Amino acid sequence: MTLQQLEYIIALDKTRHFVRAAEMCGVTQPTLSAMIQKLEDELDCKIFDRSMHPIVPTEVGKVVLNQAQVILYNVDQLKENLNTEKGSLAGTLSLAMIPTVAPYLLPGFIAAFRENYPEISLKVTEMRTESVIRSLHNAEIDMAILSTPLEDPKILEVPLYYEKFVAYISPNEAIYQQEEISTNEMPLDHLWVLEEGHCLRNQIFNFCDNNTHSSVYEAGSIDTLVKIVDVNGGYTVIPELHIDLLSEKQKLNLRKIVRPEAAREISLVIRQDFVREGVLNAVANCIKHIIPQHMLDARLKKFAIKL
């Protein structure tokens, strides 16, 4: 068994086509087919069902592919760790962000990372939390930025910052007249929230009164929620970093949420076997220059991340 063979089966799984997989790996199709067949013979199992079109992994093949992905991930980490020991940060970085964080971090983060770490090839993808967890488990991404805690023993969480929630209220709502809003004064039948699958939706319902409600209106993004309130009335709940995206007129619609104060923890999450400490700190250092100082985790302000 060789690392090259593992790369071939991963490529074939991604493309589900022998010719395209060979092109991805820079070899001829007969070479790729022969090497995969040799691996199957060595393992005494069929990794792919060639009777299907396109081909698909067998059940045992899925197990082999998952382990192959992890092995290649750890090999890449070893190479990157050696680069770090030599004093250079290079290679690739696959980073995921949840959609309710990406609009506030991603533009500035990409610019800062490219300027400060030009030798690292950066790929950033927006993913919902459940997809992030699955991708980390399968070693398909290196790290992610999302709301925690996840309570997953296979994932290490490094808190970055803490963000308050505020209410965005239409002037037509009765609660608009209040200077601050307690959670038991937030009528759920007038609330606009994100659609199912967004972690922010769950956080909103965690601190809202859980009384029964006649209807909950759903949207796909925080910016859409704000626009819906502007046109249709009602109210929504938005994270603190969204405030800078509002007009001065829209900012008049904001109210603090109290009793209890609503907030979320945003963390950098990695697999427990992640070893690229230099890259981890590179990402954290860029975040520290984007997020307001009062929001940053106290430990992140003072110390480098140690693995």
Protein backbone atom coordinates (compact mmCIF):
# COMPACT_ATOMS: atom_id res chain seq x y z
CA MET A 1 0.00 0.00 0.00
CA THR A 2 1.35 3.43 -0.94
CA LEU A 3 0.27 7.01 -0.32
CA GLN A 4 -0.04 7.36 -4.09
CA GLN A 5 -2.63 4.59 -4.19
CA LEU A 6 -4.60 6.35 -1.46
CA GLU A 7 -4.50 9.56 -3.47
CA TYR A 8 -5.82 7.66 -6.49
CA ILE A 9 -8.85 6.22 -4.69
CA ILE A 10 -9.68 9.60 -3.17
CA ALA A 11 -9.53 11.19 -6.62
CA LEU A 12 -11.73 8.45 -8.06
CA ASP A 13 -14.23 8.91 -5.25
CA LYS A 14 -14.40 12.65 -5.93
CA THR A 15 -14.79 12.36 -9.71
CA ARG A 16 -16.55 8.95 -9.94
CA HIS A 17 -14.83 8.65 -13.33
CA PHE A 18 -11.54 6.88 -14.12
CA VAL A 19 -10.40 9.28 -16.86
CA ARG A 20 -11.12 12.43 -14.84
CA ALA A 21 -9.48 10.89 -11.74
CA ALA A 22 -6.37 10.09 -13.79
CA GLU A 23 -6.25 13.65 -15.11
CA MET A 24 -6.58 14.97 -11.55
CA CYS A 25 -3.63 12.82 -10.45
CA GLY A 26 -1.49 13.52 -13.53
CA VAL A 27 -1.25 9.89 -14.67
CA THR A 28 -2.70 7.80 -17.44
CA GLN A 29 -6.03 6.07 -16.94
CA PRO A 30 -4.54 2.55 -17.25
CA THR A 31 -1.92 3.39 -14.60
CA LEU A 32 -4.55 4.68 -12.17
CA SER A 33 -6.83 1.67 -12.80
CA ALA A 34 -3.98 -0.79 -12.31
CA MET A 35 -2.81 0.83 -9.06
CA ILE A 36 -6.33 0.86 -7.62
CA GLN A 37 -6.83 -2.78 -8.61
CA LYS A 38 -3.53 -3.64 -6.93
CA LEU A 39 -4.69 -1.93 -3.72
CA GLU A 40 -8.00 -3.81 -3.81
CA ASP A 41 -6.12 -7.08 -4.25
CA GLU A 42 -3.84 -6.25 -1.32
CA LEU A 43 -6.78 -5.38 0.94
CA ASP A 44 -8.84 -8.28 -0.42
CA CYS A 45 -11.91 -6.13 -0.96
CA LYS A 46 -13.62 -4.14 -3.66
CA ILE A 47 -13.40 -0.42 -2.92
CA PHE A 48 -15.59 0.58 -5.87
CA ASP A 49 -18.64 -0.98 -7.51
CA ARG A 50 -17.71 -0.77 -11.18
CA SER A 51 -21.11 -2.09 -12.30
CA MET A 52 -22.70 1.24 -11.38
CA HIS A 53 -22.59 4.26 -13.67
CA PRO A 54 -21.11 6.45 -12.41
CA ILE A 55 -19.12 4.13 -10.18
CA VAL A 56 -19.76 4.32 -6.43
CA PRO A 57 -17.87 3.07 -3.37
CA THR A 58 -18.93 -0.20 -1.82
CA GLU A 59 -19.85 -0.21 1.86
CA VAL A 60 -16.41 -1.48 2.85
CA GLY A 61 -14.95 0.95 0.31
CA LYS A 62 -16.47 3.86 2.21
CA VAL A 63 -14.58 2.74 5.30
CA VAL A 64 -11.33 2.51 3.32
CA LEU A 65 -11.89 5.92 1.75
CA ASN A 66 -12.61 7.61 5.08
CA GLN A 67 -9.43 6.18 6.58
CA ALA A 68 -7.42 7.06 3.47
CA GLN A 69 -8.60 10.66 3.76
CA VAL A 70 -7.42 10.81 7.37
CA ILE A 71 -4.05 9.24 6.52
CA LEU A 72 -3.39 11.74 3.73
CA TYR A 73 -4.50 14.54 6.02
CA ASN A 74 -1.98 13.50 8.66
CA VAL A 75 0.79 13.19 6.07
CA ASP A 76 0.08 16.75 4.92
CA GLN A 77 0.13 17.89 8.53
CA LEU A 78 3.52 16.25 9.06
CA LYS A 79 4.94 18.09 6.06
CA GLU A 80 3.47 21.39 7.21
CA ASN A 81 4.71 20.88 10.74
CA LEU A 82 8.25 20.37 9.44
CA ASN A 83 7.94 23.61 7.48
CA THR A 84 6.89 25.38 10.66
CA GLU A 85 9.89 23.97 12.54
CA LYS A 86 12.10 25.35 9.78
CA GLY A 87 10.55 28.76 10.34
CA SER A 88 8.39 28.91 7.22
CA LEU A 89 4.63 28.80 6.83
CA ALA A 90 3.63 27.33 3.50
CA GLY A 91 1.31 24.80 1.94
CA THR A 92 -2.47 24.80 1.84
CA LEU A 93 -5.24 25.67 4.29
CA SER A 94 -8.86 24.64 3.95
CA LEU A 95 -11.05 26.76 6.24
CA ALA A 96 -14.83 26.73 6.73
CA MET A 97 -17.03 29.46 8.20
CA ILE A 98 -20.69 29.32 9.10
CA PRO A 99 -22.94 31.70 7.08
CA THR A 100 -23.81 33.84 10.13
CA VAL A 101 -20.11 34.61 10.69
CA ALA A 102 -18.67 34.77 7.17
CA PRO A 103 -20.11 38.17 6.09
CA TYR A 104 -18.34 39.92 8.96
CA LEU A 105 -15.02 38.06 8.97
CA LEU A 106 -14.37 36.80 5.47
CA PRO A 107 -13.66 40.00 3.46
CA GLY A 108 -11.10 41.35 5.95
CA PHE A 109 -9.72 37.91 6.77
CA ILE A 110 -8.89 37.02 3.16
CA ALA A 111 -7.09 40.34 2.65
CA ALA A 112 -5.10 40.06 5.89
CA PHE A 113 -4.19 36.42 5.36
CA ARG A 114 -3.00 36.93 1.80
CA GLU A 115 -0.87 39.91 2.84
CA ASN A 116 0.73 38.26 5.88
CA TYR A 117 0.97 34.63 4.74
CA PRO A 118 1.42 34.67 0.95
CA GLU A 119 3.06 31.22 0.91
CA ILE A 120 -0.11 29.53 2.18
CA SER A 121 -2.75 28.68 -0.41
CA LEU A 122 -6.07 29.52 1.26
CA LYS A 123 -9.44 27.97 0.45
CA VAL A 124 -12.48 29.19 2.40
CA THR A 125 -15.94 27.63 2.20
CA GLU A 126 -19.22 28.61 3.84
CA MET A 127 -20.77 25.62 5.62
CA ARG A 128 -23.49 25.08 8.16
CA THR A 129 -22.45 23.59 11.48
CA GLU A 130 -23.51 20.02 10.79
CA SER A 131 -21.51 20.01 7.54
CA VAL A 132 -18.48 21.44 9.33
CA ILE A 133 -18.53 18.68 11.94
CA ARG A 134 -18.85 15.98 9.29
CA SER A 135 -16.06 17.50 7.19
CA LEU A 136 -13.73 17.74 10.17
CA HIS A 137 -14.40 14.13 11.14
CA ASN A 138 -13.61 13.06 7.56
CA ALA A 139 -10.50 15.30 7.38
CA GLU A 140 -11.98 17.13 4.38
CA ILE A 141 -11.19 20.54 5.90
CA ASP A 142 -8.41 21.72 8.21
CA MET A 143 -10.33 24.00 10.54
CA ALA A 144 -13.49 26.07 10.87
CA ILE A 145 -14.88 29.16 12.57
CA LEU A 146 -18.32 28.70 14.10
CA SER A 147 -20.47 29.07 17.20
CA THR A 148 -19.59 26.84 20.14
CA PRO A 149 -19.73 24.75 22.28
CA LEU A 150 -20.14 21.72 20.03
CA GLU A 151 -19.62 19.14 22.81
CA ASP A 152 -17.81 16.81 20.39
CA PRO A 153 -14.89 14.90 21.97
CA LYS A 154 -13.14 14.58 18.60
CA ILE A 155 -13.02 18.34 18.04
CA LEU A 156 -10.88 20.91 19.85
CA GLU A 157 -12.39 24.39 20.34
CA VAL A 158 -10.31 27.57 20.64
CA PRO A 159 -12.54 30.53 21.62
CA LEU A 160 -11.91 33.63 19.50
CA TYR A 161 -14.52 36.18 20.55
CA TYR A 162 -17.90 36.69 22.20
CA GLU A 163 -20.67 38.45 20.34
CA LYS A 164 -23.85 39.95 21.76
CA PHE A 165 -27.24 39.74 20.07
CA VAL A 166 -29.45 42.78 19.61
CA ALA A 167 -33.09 43.11 18.61
CA TYR A 168 -33.94 44.84 15.35
CA ILE A 169 -37.52 46.12 15.70
CA SER A 170 -39.96 47.76 13.33
CA PRO A 171 -41.28 51.16 14.54
CA ASN A 172 -44.77 49.65 14.18
CA GLU A 173 -44.14 47.16 17.01
CA ALA A 174 -45.30 47.97 20.54
CA ILE A 175 -41.95 46.95 22.01
CA TYR A 176 -40.22 49.56 19.81
CA GLN A 177 -40.95 52.16 22.48
CA GLN A 178 -38.80 50.35 25.06
CA GLU A 179 -35.12 51.24 25.45
CA GLU A 180 -34.19 47.60 26.10
CA ILE A 181 -36.00 44.29 25.72
CA SER A 182 -36.07 41.40 28.16
CA THR A 183 -36.36 37.92 26.69
CA ASN A 184 -39.83 37.32 28.15
CA GLU A 185 -41.12 40.41 26.35
CA MET A 186 -40.28 39.14 22.87
CA PRO A 187 -43.50 37.95 21.15
CA LEU A 188 -42.63 34.94 19.01
CA ASP A 189 -45.58 35.44 16.68
CA HIS A 190 -43.92 38.65 15.41
CA LEU A 191 -40.43 37.18 15.16
CA TRP A 192 -38.56 36.64 11.91
CA VAL A 193 -35.79 34.01 12.13
CA LEU A 194 -33.36 32.13 9.92
CA GLU A 195 -34.52 28.96 8.23
CA GLU A 196 -33.91 25.51 9.67
CA GLY A 197 -30.27 24.42 9.79
CA HIS A 198 -28.75 27.69 10.95
CA CYS A 199 -27.21 27.49 14.43
CA LEU A 200 -28.20 31.12 15.04
CA ARG A 201 -31.85 30.10 14.80
CA ASN A 202 -31.38 27.62 17.66
CA GLN A 203 -29.56 30.22 19.74
CA ILE A 204 -32.41 32.67 19.28
CA PHE A 205 -34.97 30.17 20.52
CA ASN A 206 -32.72 29.26 23.45
CA PHE A 207 -33.01 32.74 24.92
CA CYS A 208 -36.50 33.65 23.68
CA ASP A 209 -39.54 32.78 25.74
CA ASN A 210 -40.61 29.27 24.72
CA ASN A 211 -44.33 29.96 24.85
CA THR A 212 -46.37 28.65 21.97
CA HIS A 213 -46.60 30.91 18.97
CA SER A 214 -48.93 31.14 16.00
CA SER A 215 -46.28 31.47 13.33
CA VAL A 216 -42.56 31.96 12.80
CA TYR A 217 -41.34 33.60 9.63
CA GLU A 218 -38.13 32.27 8.16
CA ALA A 219 -35.47 33.73 5.84
CA GLY A 220 -32.12 32.65 4.45
CA SER A 221 -29.78 35.39 5.69
CA ILE A 222 -29.53 38.05 8.37
CA ASP A 223 -29.49 40.83 5.77
CA THR A 224 -32.77 39.44 4.38
CA LEU A 225 -34.29 39.38 7.87
CA VAL A 226 -33.50 43.07 8.35
CA LYS A 227 -35.07 43.97 5.01
CA ILE A 228 -38.17 41.92 5.80
CA VAL A 229 -38.63 43.81 9.07
CA ASP A 230 -38.20 47.13 7.24
CA VAL A 231 -41.00 46.29 4.80
CA ASN A 232 -43.33 44.00 6.76
CA GLY A 233 -42.94 44.98 10.40
CA GLY A 234 -42.24 42.62 13.28
CA TYR A 235 -38.71 42.17 14.59
CA THR A 236 -35.66 39.95 14.38
CA VAL A 237 -32.48 39.24 16.32
CA ILE A 238 -29.07 40.00 14.80
CA PRO A 239 -25.44 39.56 15.92
CA GLU A 240 -23.47 42.57 17.10
CA LEU A 241 -21.11 42.65 14.11
CA HIS A 242 -24.04 43.17 11.75
CA ILE A 243 -24.67 46.63 13.23
CA ASP A 244 -21.96 48.26 11.12
CA LEU A 245 -23.77 47.09 7.97
CA LEU A 246 -26.92 49.06 8.89
CA SER A 247 -27.73 52.61 7.79
CA GLU A 248 -27.98 55.33 10.42
CA LYS A 249 -31.76 55.23 10.07
CA GLN A 250 -31.83 51.47 10.57
CA LYS A 251 -29.66 51.74 13.69
CA LEU A 252 -32.53 53.61 15.36
CA ASN A 253 -34.43 50.29 15.30
CA LEU A 254 -31.89 48.50 17.53
CA ARG A 255 -32.58 47.57 21.14
CA LYS A 256 -30.43 45.79 23.72
CA ILE A 257 -31.58 42.35 24.88
CA VAL A 258 -31.42 41.95 28.66
CA ARG A 259 -32.41 39.55 31.44
CA PRO A 260 -30.50 37.55 30.38
CA GLU A 261 -28.12 39.28 28.02
CA ALA A 262 -27.92 37.23 24.81
CA ALA A 263 -24.51 36.36 23.35
CA ARG A 264 -22.67 33.64 21.46
CA GLU A 265 -19.13 32.25 21.58
CA ILE A 266 -17.29 32.06 18.27
CA SER A 267 -14.38 29.63 18.14
CA LEU A 268 -11.74 28.22 15.84
CA VAL A 269 -12.30 24.46 15.76
CA ILE A 270 -9.92 21.69 14.67
CA ARG A 271 -9.55 17.95 14.89
CA GLN A 272 -7.91 16.64 18.06
CA ASP A 273 -4.98 15.37 15.97
CA PHE A 274 -4.29 18.73 14.32
CA VAL A 275 -0.59 19.65 14.66
CA ARG A 276 -0.07 22.78 12.53
CA GLU A 277 0.31 25.20 15.42
CA GLY A 278 1.87 27.91 13.25
CA VAL A 279 -1.04 27.91 10.80
CA LEU A 280 -3.53 27.91 13.67
CA ASN A 281 -1.93 31.03 15.12
CA ALA A 282 -1.75 32.63 11.68
CA VAL A 283 -5.54 32.38 11.38
CA ALA A 284 -6.06 33.60 14.97
CA ASN A 285 -3.73 36.57 14.44
CA CYS A 286 -5.71 37.71 11.41
CA ILE A 287 -8.96 37.44 13.35
CA LYS A 288 -7.49 39.51 16.20
CA HIS A 289 -7.03 42.44 13.81
CA ILE A 290 -10.59 42.25 12.48
CA ILE A 291 -12.68 41.81 15.62
CA PRO A 292 -13.03 44.75 18.06
CA GLN A 293 -10.76 44.31 21.08
CA HIS A 294 -13.60 44.32 23.62
CA MET A 295 -15.08 41.22 21.97
CA LEU A 296 -11.91 39.11 21.87
CA ASP A 297 -11.36 36.21 24.24
CA ALA A 298 -9.06 37.38 27.05
CA ARG A 299 -6.62 34.50 26.55
CA LEU A 300 -6.36 35.13 22.83
CA LYS A 301 -5.32 38.74 23.53
CA LYS A 302 -2.38 37.66 25.71
CA PHE A 303 -1.17 34.27 24.54
CA ALA A 304 -0.36 32.31 21.41
CA ILE A 305 -2.29 29.08 20.89
CA LYS A 306 -0.40 26.00 22.06
CA LEU A 307 -1.27 22.47 20.93
